[in-house]
PDB file of N, CA and C in Angstrom:
ATOM      1  N   UNK A   1      11.191  45.609  54.329  1.00  0.00           N
ATOM      2  CA  UNK A   1      11.670  46.913  54.032  1.00  0.00           C
ATOM      3  C   UNK A   1      12.857  47.233  54.104  1.00  0.00           C
ATOM      4  N   UNK A   2      13.933  47.798  53.608  1.00  0.00           N
ATOM      5  CA  UNK A   2      14.993  48.757  54.419  1.00  0.00           C
ATOM      6  C   UNK A   2      14.907  49.959  54.655  1.00  0.00           C
ATOM      7  N   UNK A   3      15.519  50.336  55.335  1.00  0.00           N
ATOM      8  CA  UNK A   3      15.823  51.833  56.233  1.00  0.00           C
ATOM      9  C   UNK A   3      16.033  53.139  54.710  1.00  0.00           C
ATOM     10  N   UNK A   4      16.471  52.363  53.613  1.00  0.00           N
ATOM     11  CA  UNK A   4      17.232  53.228  52.318  1.00  0.00           C
ATOM     12  C   UNK A   4      15.974  53.510  51.509  1.00  0.00           C
ATOM     13  N   UNK A   5      14.760  52.035  51.419  1.00  0.00           N
ATOM     14  CA  UNK A   5      13.754  52.684  50.562  1.00  0.00           C
ATOM     15  C   UNK A   5      12.807  53.279  51.111  1.00  0.00           C
ATOM     16  N   UNK A   6      12.560  53.486  52.466  1.00  0.00           N
ATOM     17  CA  UNK A   6      11.665  54.827  53.162  1.00  0.00           C
ATOM     18  C   UNK A   6      12.482  55.827  52.483  1.00  0.00           C
ATOM     19  N   UNK A   7      13.808  56.484  53.065  1.00  0.00           N
ATOM     20  CA  UNK A   7      14.580  57.575  52.797  1.00  0.00           C
ATOM     21  C   UNK A   7      14.436  57.795  51.347  1.00  0.00           C
ATOM     22  N   UNK A   8      14.532  56.942  50.171  1.00  0.00           N
ATOM     23  CA  UNK A   8      13.857  57.064  48.825  1.00  0.00           C
ATOM     24  C   UNK A   8      12.780  57.782  48.811  1.00  0.00           C
ATOM     25  N   UNK A   9      12.047  57.117  49.571  1.00  0.00           N
ATOM     26  CA  UNK A   9      10.627  57.710  49.421  1.00  0.00           C
ATOM     27  C   UNK A   9      10.260  59.144  49.825  1.00  0.00           C
ATOM     28  N   UNK A  10      10.811  59.435  50.889  1.00  0.00           N
ATOM     29  CA  UNK A  10      10.221  60.813  51.607  1.00  0.00           C
ATOM     30  C   UNK A  10      11.252  61.548  50.517  1.00  0.00           C
ATOM     31  N   UNK A  11      12.805  61.370  49.811  1.00  0.00           N
ATOM     32  CA  UNK A  11      13.179  62.023  49.059  1.00  0.00           C
ATOM     33  C   UNK A  11      12.285  62.508  48.215  1.00  0.00           C
ATOM     34  N   UNK A  12      11.747  61.699  46.988  1.00  0.00           N
ATOM     35  CA  UNK A  12      10.625  61.763  46.164  1.00  0.00           C
ATOM     36  C   UNK A  12       9.430  62.692  46.637  1.00  0.00           C
ATOM     37  N   UNK A  13       8.862  62.155  47.920  1.00  0.00           N
ATOM     38  CA  UNK A  13       7.594  62.745  47.607  1.00  0.00           C
ATOM     39  C   UNK A  13       7.724  64.547  48.325  1.00  0.00           C
ATOM     40  N   UNK A  14       8.918  64.549  48.938  1.00  0.00           N
ATOM     41  CA  UNK A  14       9.552  65.758  49.282  1.00  0.00           C
ATOM     42  C   UNK A  14       9.581  67.001  48.023  1.00  0.00           C
ATOM     43  N   UNK A  15      10.070  66.426  47.518  1.00  0.00           N
ATOM     44  CA  UNK A  15      10.573  66.890  45.910  1.00  0.00           C
ATOM     45  C   UNK A  15       9.267  67.353  45.045  1.00  0.00           C
ATOM     46  N   UNK A  16       8.421  66.503  45.144  1.00  0.00           N
ATOM     47  CA  UNK A  16       6.790  66.422  44.747  1.00  0.00           C
ATOM     48  C   UNK A  16       6.339  67.392  45.486  1.00  0.00           C
ATOM     49  N   UNK A  17       6.234  67.907  46.500  1.00  0.00           N
ATOM     50  CA  UNK A  17       5.889  68.894  47.290  1.00  0.00           C
ATOM     51  C   UNK A  17       6.465  70.166  47.176  1.00  0.00           C
ATOM     52  N   UNK A  18       7.631  70.381  46.718  1.00  0.00           N
ATOM     53  CA  UNK A  18       7.938  71.470  46.227  1.00  0.00           C
ATOM     54  C   UNK A  18       9.533  71.667  46.856  1.00  0.00           C
ATOM     55  N   UNK A  19       9.821  70.707  47.728  1.00  0.00           N
ATOM     56  CA  UNK A  19      10.674  70.886  48.994  1.00  0.00           C
ATOM     57  C   UNK A  19      12.045  70.266  48.504  1.00  0.00           C
ATOM     58  N   UNK A  20      12.617  70.153  49.847  1.00  0.00           N
ATOM     59  CA  UNK A  20      14.386  69.441  49.860  1.00  0.00           C
ATOM     60  C   UNK A  20      14.463  68.754  50.657  1.00  0.00           C
ATOM     61  N   UNK A  21      14.895  67.663  50.438  1.00  0.00           N
ATOM     62  CA  UNK A  21      14.972  66.844  51.909  1.00  0.00           C
ATOM     63  C   UNK A  21      16.551  66.388  51.930  1.00  0.00           C
ATOM     64  N   UNK A  22      17.500  67.196  52.340  1.00  0.00           N
ATOM     65  CA  UNK A  22      18.900  67.075  52.575  1.00  0.00           C
ATOM     66  C   UNK A  22      19.201  66.116  53.169  1.00  0.00           C
ATOM     67  N   UNK A  23      20.189  65.293  53.009  1.00  0.00           N
ATOM     68  CA  UNK A  23      21.104  64.442  53.719  1.00  0.00           C
ATOM     69  C   UNK A  23      21.695  65.359  54.703  1.00  0.00           C
ATOM     70  N   UNK A  24      21.914  64.745  56.444  1.00  0.00           N
ATOM     71  CA  UNK A  24      22.237  65.618  56.766  1.00  0.00           C
ATOM     72  C   UNK A  24      23.178  64.910  57.663  1.00  0.00           C
ATOM     73  N   UNK A  25      24.734  65.455  57.879  1.00  0.00           N
ATOM     74  CA  UNK A  25      25.482  64.741  58.763  1.00  0.00           C
ATOM     75  C   UNK A  25      26.149  66.203  59.226  1.00  0.00           C
ATOM     76  N   UNK A  26      26.739  65.723  60.526  1.00  0.00           N
ATOM     77  CA  UNK A  26      27.080  66.941  61.242  1.00  0.00           C
ATOM     78  C   UNK A  26      28.416  66.095  62.592  1.00  0.00           C
ATOM     79  N   UNK A  27      29.512  66.144  61.815  1.00  0.00           N
ATOM     80  CA  UNK A  27      30.506  65.785  62.151  1.00  0.00           C
ATOM     81  C   UNK A  27      30.806  66.535  63.895  1.00  0.00           C
ATOM     82  N   UNK A  28      31.001  65.195  64.659  1.00  0.00           N
ATOM     83  CA  UNK A  28      31.324  65.832  65.852  1.00  0.00           C
ATOM     84  C   UNK A  28      29.885  65.868  66.541  1.00  0.00           C
ATOM     85  N   UNK A  29      28.824  65.720  65.980  1.00  0.00           N
ATOM     86  CA  UNK A  29      27.774  65.469  66.572  1.00  0.00           C
ATOM     87  C   UNK A  29      26.657  64.367  66.298  1.00  0.00           C
ATOM     88  N   UNK A  30      27.388  63.090  67.004  1.00  0.00           N
ATOM     89  CA  UNK A  30      26.379  62.035  67.158  1.00  0.00           C
ATOM     90  C   UNK A  30      25.572  61.815  66.998  1.00  0.00           C
ATOM     91  N   UNK A  31      24.375  61.419  66.297  1.00  0.00           N
ATOM     92  CA  UNK A  31      22.921  60.830  66.671  1.00  0.00           C
ATOM     93  C   UNK A  31      21.846  62.187  66.099  1.00  0.00           C
ATOM     94  N   UNK A  32      22.647  63.001  64.814  1.00  0.00           N
ATOM     95  CA  UNK A  32      21.841  63.493  64.127  1.00  0.00           C
ATOM     96  C   UNK A  32      21.131  63.320  63.322  1.00  0.00           C
ATOM     97  N   UNK A  33      19.850  63.690  63.245  1.00  0.00           N
ATOM     98  CA  UNK A  33      18.573  63.170  62.316  1.00  0.00           C
ATOM     99  C   UNK A  33      19.421  63.099  60.538  1.00  0.00           C
ATOM    100  N   UNK A  34      18.126  62.071  60.511  1.00  0.00           N
ATOM    101  CA  UNK A  34      18.887  61.329  59.180  1.00  0.00           C
ATOM    102  C   UNK A  34      19.069  62.856  58.092  1.00  0.00           C
ATOM    103  N   UNK A  35      18.086  63.809  58.009  1.00  0.00           N
ATOM    104  CA  UNK A  35      17.394  64.311  56.768  1.00  0.00           C
ATOM    105  C   UNK A  35      16.939  65.592  57.306  1.00  0.00           C
ATOM    106  N   UNK A  36      17.081  66.482  56.632  1.00  0.00           N
ATOM    107  CA  UNK A  36      16.751  67.836  56.901  1.00  0.00           C
ATOM    108  C   UNK A  36      15.921  68.429  55.744  1.00  0.00           C
ATOM    109  N   UNK A  37      14.739  68.106  56.053  1.00  0.00           N
ATOM    110  CA  UNK A  37      13.421  68.460  54.942  1.00  0.00           C
ATOM    111  C   UNK A  37      13.240  70.278  55.008  1.00  0.00           C
ATOM    112  N   UNK A  38      13.214  70.645  54.004  1.00  0.00           N
ATOM    113  CA  UNK A  38      12.907  72.068  53.442  1.00  0.00           C
ATOM    114  C   UNK A  38      11.628  72.320  52.948  1.00  0.00           C
ATOM    115  N   UNK A  39      10.185  72.946  53.271  1.00  0.00           N
ATOM    116  CA  UNK A  39       9.412  73.056  52.646  1.00  0.00           C
ATOM    117  C   UNK A  39       9.082  74.391  52.183  1.00  0.00           C
ATOM    118  N   UNK A  40       8.074  74.608  51.628  1.00  0.00           N
ATOM    119  CA  UNK A  40       7.853  75.784  50.938  1.00  0.00           C
ATOM    120  C   UNK A  40       7.719  76.401  51.946  1.00  0.00           C
ATOM    121  N   UNK A  41       7.385  77.734  52.151  1.00  0.00           N
ATOM    122  CA  UNK A  41       6.960  78.058  53.552  1.00  0.00           C
ATOM    123  C   UNK A  41       7.745  78.554  54.630  1.00  0.00           C
ATOM    124  N   UNK A  42       8.741  78.406  54.427  1.00  0.00           N
ATOM    125  CA  UNK A  42       9.799  78.144  55.464  1.00  0.00           C
ATOM    126  C   UNK A  42       9.477  77.150  56.285  1.00  0.00           C
ATOM    127  N   UNK A  43       8.871  76.129  55.847  1.00  0.00           N
ATOM    128  CA  UNK A  43       8.996  75.109  56.839  1.00  0.00           C
ATOM    129  C   UNK A  43      10.428  73.785  57.249  1.00  0.00           C
ATOM    130  N   UNK A  44      10.740  74.030  58.501  1.00  0.00           N
ATOM    131  CA  UNK A  44      12.459  73.285  58.767  1.00  0.00           C
ATOM    132  C   UNK A  44      11.558  71.710  59.458  1.00  0.00           C
ATOM    133  N   UNK A  45      12.001  70.845  58.945  1.00  0.00           N
ATOM    134  CA  UNK A  45      11.832  69.055  60.113  1.00  0.00           C
ATOM    135  C   UNK A  45      12.578  68.949  59.732  1.00  0.00           C
ATOM    136  N   UNK A  46      13.395  68.530  60.985  1.00  0.00           N
ATOM    137  CA  UNK A  46      14.859  67.140  60.786  1.00  0.00           C
ATOM    138  C   UNK A  46      14.030  65.705  61.318  1.00  0.00           C
ATOM    139  N   UNK A  47      14.313  64.977  59.936  1.00  0.00           N
ATOM    140  CA  UNK A  47      13.496  63.610  59.875  1.00  0.00           C
ATOM    141  C   UNK A  47      14.626  62.461  60.302  1.00  0.00           C
ATOM    142  N   UNK A  48      14.176  61.289  61.315  1.00  0.00           N
ATOM    143  CA  UNK A  48      14.814  60.533  61.504  1.00  0.00           C
ATOM    144  C   UNK A  48      14.539  59.193  60.776  1.00  0.00           C
ATOM    145  N   UNK A  49      14.887  58.664  60.062  1.00  0.00           N
ATOM    146  CA  UNK A  49      14.304  57.272  59.212  1.00  0.00           C
ATOM    147  C   UNK A  49      14.859  55.909  59.982  1.00  0.00           C
ATOM    148  N   UNK A  50      14.107  54.718  60.143  1.00  0.00           N
ATOM    149  CA  UNK A  50      14.275  53.723  60.718  1.00  0.00           C
ATOM    150  C   UNK A  50      13.437  52.775  59.578  1.00  0.00           C
ATOM    151  N   UNK A  51      14.061  51.449  59.920  1.00  0.00           N
ATOM    152  CA  UNK A  51      13.670  50.120  58.985  1.00  0.00           C
ATOM    153  C   UNK A  51      12.345  50.057  59.741  1.00  0.00           C
ATOM    154  N   UNK A  52      11.450  49.462  59.393  1.00  0.00           N
ATOM    155  CA  UNK A  52       9.964  49.736  59.846  1.00  0.00           C
ATOM    156  C   UNK A  52      10.665  48.272  61.417  1.00  0.00           C
ATOM    157  N   UNK A  53      10.116  48.927  62.285  1.00  0.00           N
ATOM    158  CA  UNK A  53       9.346  48.248  63.556  1.00  0.00           C
ATOM    159  C   UNK A  53      10.745  48.935  64.700  1.00  0.00           C
ATOM    160  N   UNK A  54      11.912  49.701  64.125  1.00  0.00           N
ATOM    161  CA  UNK A  54      13.098  49.873  64.482  1.00  0.00           C
ATOM    162  C   UNK A  54      12.603  51.116  65.126  1.00  0.00           C
ATOM    163  N   UNK A  55      13.457  51.411  66.416  1.00  0.00           N
ATOM    164  CA  UNK A  55      13.286  52.642  67.425  1.00  0.00           C
ATOM    165  C   UNK A  55      14.494  53.479  67.113  1.00  0.00           C
ATOM    166  N   UNK A  56      14.680  54.957  67.484  1.00  0.00           N
ATOM    167  CA  UNK A  56      16.205  55.369  67.302  1.00  0.00           C
ATOM    168  C   UNK A  56      16.705  55.221  68.993  1.00  0.00           C
ATOM    169  N   UNK A  57      18.042  54.871  68.676  1.00  0.00           N
ATOM    170  CA  UNK A  57      18.938  54.781  69.895  1.00  0.00           C
ATOM    171  C   UNK A  57      18.729  55.899  70.778  1.00  0.00           C
ATOM    172  N   UNK A  58      19.301  55.691  71.860  1.00  0.00           N
ATOM    173  CA  UNK A  58      19.057  56.875  73.265  1.00  0.00           C
ATOM    174  C   UNK A  58      19.593  57.754  72.803  1.00  0.00           C
ATOM    175  N   UNK A  59      20.870  57.960  72.398  1.00  0.00           N
ATOM    176  CA  UNK A  59      21.493  59.145  71.745  1.00  0.00           C
ATOM    177  C   UNK A  59      20.949  60.369  70.458  1.00  0.00           C
ATOM    178  N   UNK A  60      19.820  59.164  69.973  1.00  0.00           N
ATOM    179  CA  UNK A  60      19.311  60.126  68.632  1.00  0.00           C
ATOM    180  C   UNK A  60      17.998  60.739  69.783  1.00  0.00           C
ATOM    181  N   UNK A  61      17.402  59.939  70.395  1.00  0.00           N
ATOM    182  CA  UNK A  61      16.633  60.482  71.347  1.00  0.00           C
ATOM    183  C   UNK A  61      16.755  61.931  72.041  1.00  0.00           C
ATOM    184  N   UNK A  62      18.262  61.840  72.522  1.00  0.00           N
ATOM    185  CA  UNK A  62      18.686  62.752  73.033  1.00  0.00           C
ATOM    186  C   UNK A  62      18.629  64.116  72.342  1.00  0.00           C
ATOM    187  N   UNK A  63      19.534  63.710  71.229  1.00  0.00           N
ATOM    188  CA  UNK A  63      19.104  65.031  69.943  1.00  0.00           C
ATOM    189  C   UNK A  63      18.175  65.320  69.448  1.00  0.00           C
ATOM    190  N   UNK A  64      16.872  64.632  69.138  1.00  0.00           N
ATOM    191  CA  UNK A  64      15.733  64.824  68.851  1.00  0.00           C
ATOM    192  C   UNK A  64      15.359  65.863  70.017  1.00  0.00           C
ATOM    193  N   UNK A  65      15.513  65.500  71.438  1.00  0.00           N
ATOM    194  CA  UNK A  65      15.181  66.562  72.503  1.00  0.00           C
ATOM    195  C   UNK A  65      15.816  67.773  72.574  1.00  0.00           C
ATOM    196  N   UNK A  66      17.371  67.719  72.233  1.00  0.00           N
ATOM    197  CA  UNK A  66      17.549  69.145  71.986  1.00  0.00           C
ATOM    198  C   UNK A  66      17.197  69.849  70.808  1.00  0.00           C
ATOM    199  N   UNK A  67      16.820  69.420  69.586  1.00  0.00           N
ATOM    200  CA  UNK A  67      16.148  69.897  68.863  1.00  0.00           C
ATOM    201  C   UNK A  67      15.167  70.889  68.594  1.00  0.00           C
ATOM    202  N   UNK A  68      14.404  69.896  69.620  1.00  0.00           N
ATOM    203  CA  UNK A  68      12.790  70.194  70.027  1.00  0.00           C
ATOM    204  C   UNK A  68      12.927  71.693  71.290  1.00  0.00           C
ATOM    205  N   UNK A  69      13.932  71.412  72.100  1.00  0.00           N
ATOM    206  CA  UNK A  69      14.193  72.247  73.037  1.00  0.00           C
ATOM    207  C   UNK A  69      14.428  73.569  72.365  1.00  0.00           C
ATOM    208  N   UNK A  70      15.201  73.552  70.961  1.00  0.00           N
ATOM    209  CA  UNK A  70      15.763  74.668  70.028  1.00  0.00           C
ATOM    210  C   UNK A  70      14.267  75.329  69.642  1.00  0.00           C
ATOM    211  N   UNK A  71      12.958  74.773  69.495  1.00  0.00           N
ATOM    212  CA  UNK A  71      11.993  75.042  68.727  1.00  0.00           C
ATOM    213  C   UNK A  71      11.594  74.224  67.165  1.00  0.00           C
ATOM    214  N   UNK A  72      12.658  73.566  67.271  1.00  0.00           N
ATOM    215  CA  UNK A  72      12.309  72.423  65.946  1.00  0.00           C
ATOM    216  C   UNK A  72      11.544  71.655  65.797  1.00  0.00           C
ATOM    217  N   UNK A  73      10.876  71.171  64.501  1.00  0.00           N
ATOM    218  CA  UNK A  73       9.913  70.175  64.504  1.00  0.00           C
ATOM    219  C   UNK A  73      11.086  68.594  64.280  1.00  0.00           C
ATOM    220  N   UNK A  74      10.824  67.716  65.022  1.00  0.00           N
ATOM    221  CA  UNK A  74      11.341  66.417  65.015  1.00  0.00           C
ATOM    222  C   UNK A  74      10.636  64.757  64.431  1.00  0.00           C
ATOM    223  N   UNK A  75      10.873  64.402  63.497  1.00  0.00           N
ATOM    224  CA  UNK A  75       9.869  63.558  63.363  1.00  0.00           C
ATOM    225  C   UNK A  75      10.586  61.947  62.905  1.00  0.00           C
ATOM    226  N   UNK A  76      10.040  61.126  63.301  1.00  0.00           N
ATOM    227  CA  UNK A  76      10.800  59.587  63.062  1.00  0.00           C
ATOM    228  C   UNK A  76       9.340  58.889  61.890  1.00  0.00           C
ATOM    229  N   UNK A  77      10.092  58.701  60.928  1.00  0.00           N
ATOM    230  CA  UNK A  77       9.633  57.680  60.184  1.00  0.00           C
ATOM    231  C   UNK A  77      10.089  56.069  60.005  1.00  0.00           C
ATOM    232  N   UNK A  78       8.890  55.060  60.291  1.00  0.00           N
ATOM    233  CA  UNK A  78       9.723  53.761  59.856  1.00  0.00           C
ATOM    234  C   UNK A  78       9.239  52.937  59.036  1.00  0.00           C
ATOM    235  N   UNK A  79       8.206  53.490  58.237  1.00  0.00           N
ATOM    236  CA  UNK A  79       7.177  52.904  56.986  1.00  0.00           C
ATOM    237  C   UNK A  79       7.147  53.762  55.770  1.00  0.00           C
ATOM    238  N   UNK A  80       6.570  53.311  54.444  1.00  0.00           N
ATOM    239  CA  UNK A  80       5.997  53.857  53.828  1.00  0.00           C
ATOM    240  C   UNK A  80       4.852  54.418  53.977  1.00  0.00           C
ATOM    241  N   UNK A  81       3.915  54.363  54.880  1.00  0.00           N
ATOM    242  CA  UNK A  81       3.017  55.025  54.739  1.00  0.00           C
ATOM    243  C   UNK A  81       3.248  56.039  56.131  1.00  0.00           C
ATOM    244  N   UNK A  82       4.259  55.819  56.680  1.00  0.00           N
ATOM    245  CA  UNK A  82       4.914  57.015  57.877  1.00  0.00           C
ATOM    246  C   UNK A  82       5.206  58.298  56.561  1.00  0.00           C
ATOM    247  N   UNK A  83       5.743  58.483  55.805  1.00  0.00           N
ATOM    248  CA  UNK A  83       6.137  58.785  54.716  1.00  0.00           C
ATOM    249  C   UNK A  83       5.156  59.820  54.475  1.00  0.00           C
ATOM    250  N   UNK A  84       3.933  58.905  53.808  1.00  0.00           N
ATOM    251  CA  UNK A  84       2.808  59.873  53.204  1.00  0.00           C
ATOM    252  C   UNK A  84       1.973  60.597  54.181  1.00  0.00           C
ATOM    253  N   UNK A  85       1.815  59.784  55.380  1.00  0.00           N
ATOM    254  CA  UNK A  85       1.433  60.631  56.596  1.00  0.00           C
ATOM    255  C   UNK A  85       2.418  62.196  56.540  1.00  0.00           C
ATOM    256  N   UNK A  86       3.499  61.864  56.869  1.00  0.00           N
ATOM    257  CA  UNK A  86       4.123  63.199  57.107  1.00  0.00           C
ATOM    258  C   UNK A  86       4.252  64.082  56.008  1.00  0.00           C
ATOM    259  N   UNK A  87       4.107  63.586  54.455  1.00  0.00           N
ATOM    260  CA  UNK A  87       3.680  64.459  53.362  1.00  0.00           C
ATOM    261  C   UNK A  87       2.230  65.303  53.580  1.00  0.00           C
ATOM    262  N   UNK A  88       1.552  64.661  54.228  1.00  0.00           N
ATOM    263  CA  UNK A  88      -0.118  65.194  53.956  1.00  0.00           C
ATOM    264  C   UNK A  88      -0.228  65.930  55.149  1.00  0.00           C
ATOM    265  N   UNK A  89       0.244  65.709  56.419  1.00  0.00           N
ATOM    266  CA  UNK A  89       0.735  66.662  57.603  1.00  0.00           C
ATOM    267  C   UNK A  89       1.052  67.842  57.067  1.00  0.00           C
ATOM    268  N   UNK A  90       2.381  67.868  56.705  1.00  0.00           N
ATOM    269  CA  UNK A  90       3.287  69.242  56.374  1.00  0.00           C
ATOM    270  C   UNK A  90       2.619  69.974  54.988  1.00  0.00           C
ATOM    271  N   UNK A  91       1.884  69.156  54.100  1.00  0.00           N
ATOM    272  CA  UNK A  91       1.573  69.766  52.950  1.00  0.00           C
ATOM    273  C   UNK A  91       0.244  70.680  53.302  1.00  0.00           C
ATOM    274  N   UNK A  92      -0.215  69.958  54.094  1.00  0.00           N
ATOM    275  CA  UNK A  92      -1.383  70.575  54.776  1.00  0.00           C
ATOM    276  C   UNK A  92      -1.191  72.395  55.436  1.00  0.00           C
ATOM    277  N   UNK A  93      -0.119  72.249  55.362  1.00  0.00           N
ATOM    278  CA  UNK A  93       0.558  73.774  56.122  1.00  0.00           C
ATOM    279  C   UNK A  93       1.535  74.641  55.177  1.00  0.00           C
ATOM    280  N   UNK A  94       1.799  73.851  54.128  1.00  0.00           N
ATOM    281  CA  UNK A  94       2.386  74.646  52.686  1.00  0.00           C
ATOM    282  C   UNK A  94       1.167  76.002  52.599  1.00  0.00           C
TER     283      UNK A  94
END
């Protein structure tokens, strides 16, 4: 399975939950997470997507920590099941 398949599943599931999964790019800030997920109730989650078994690079981990230090939620998802768990966890908070 490719990362793109997981990314499409995330976008589809977030939309079904009433939210948006925006492609996130930040020129000049390498290592930014792939998606900015916006859910009802003002929930904002940065999501890093990976192919199954792949891990974030050191620079990505650094960016995740910087975002967490600012109070944001950052998730790493590397499987279809991870997408489903993400939706279950966050949908319960909506």
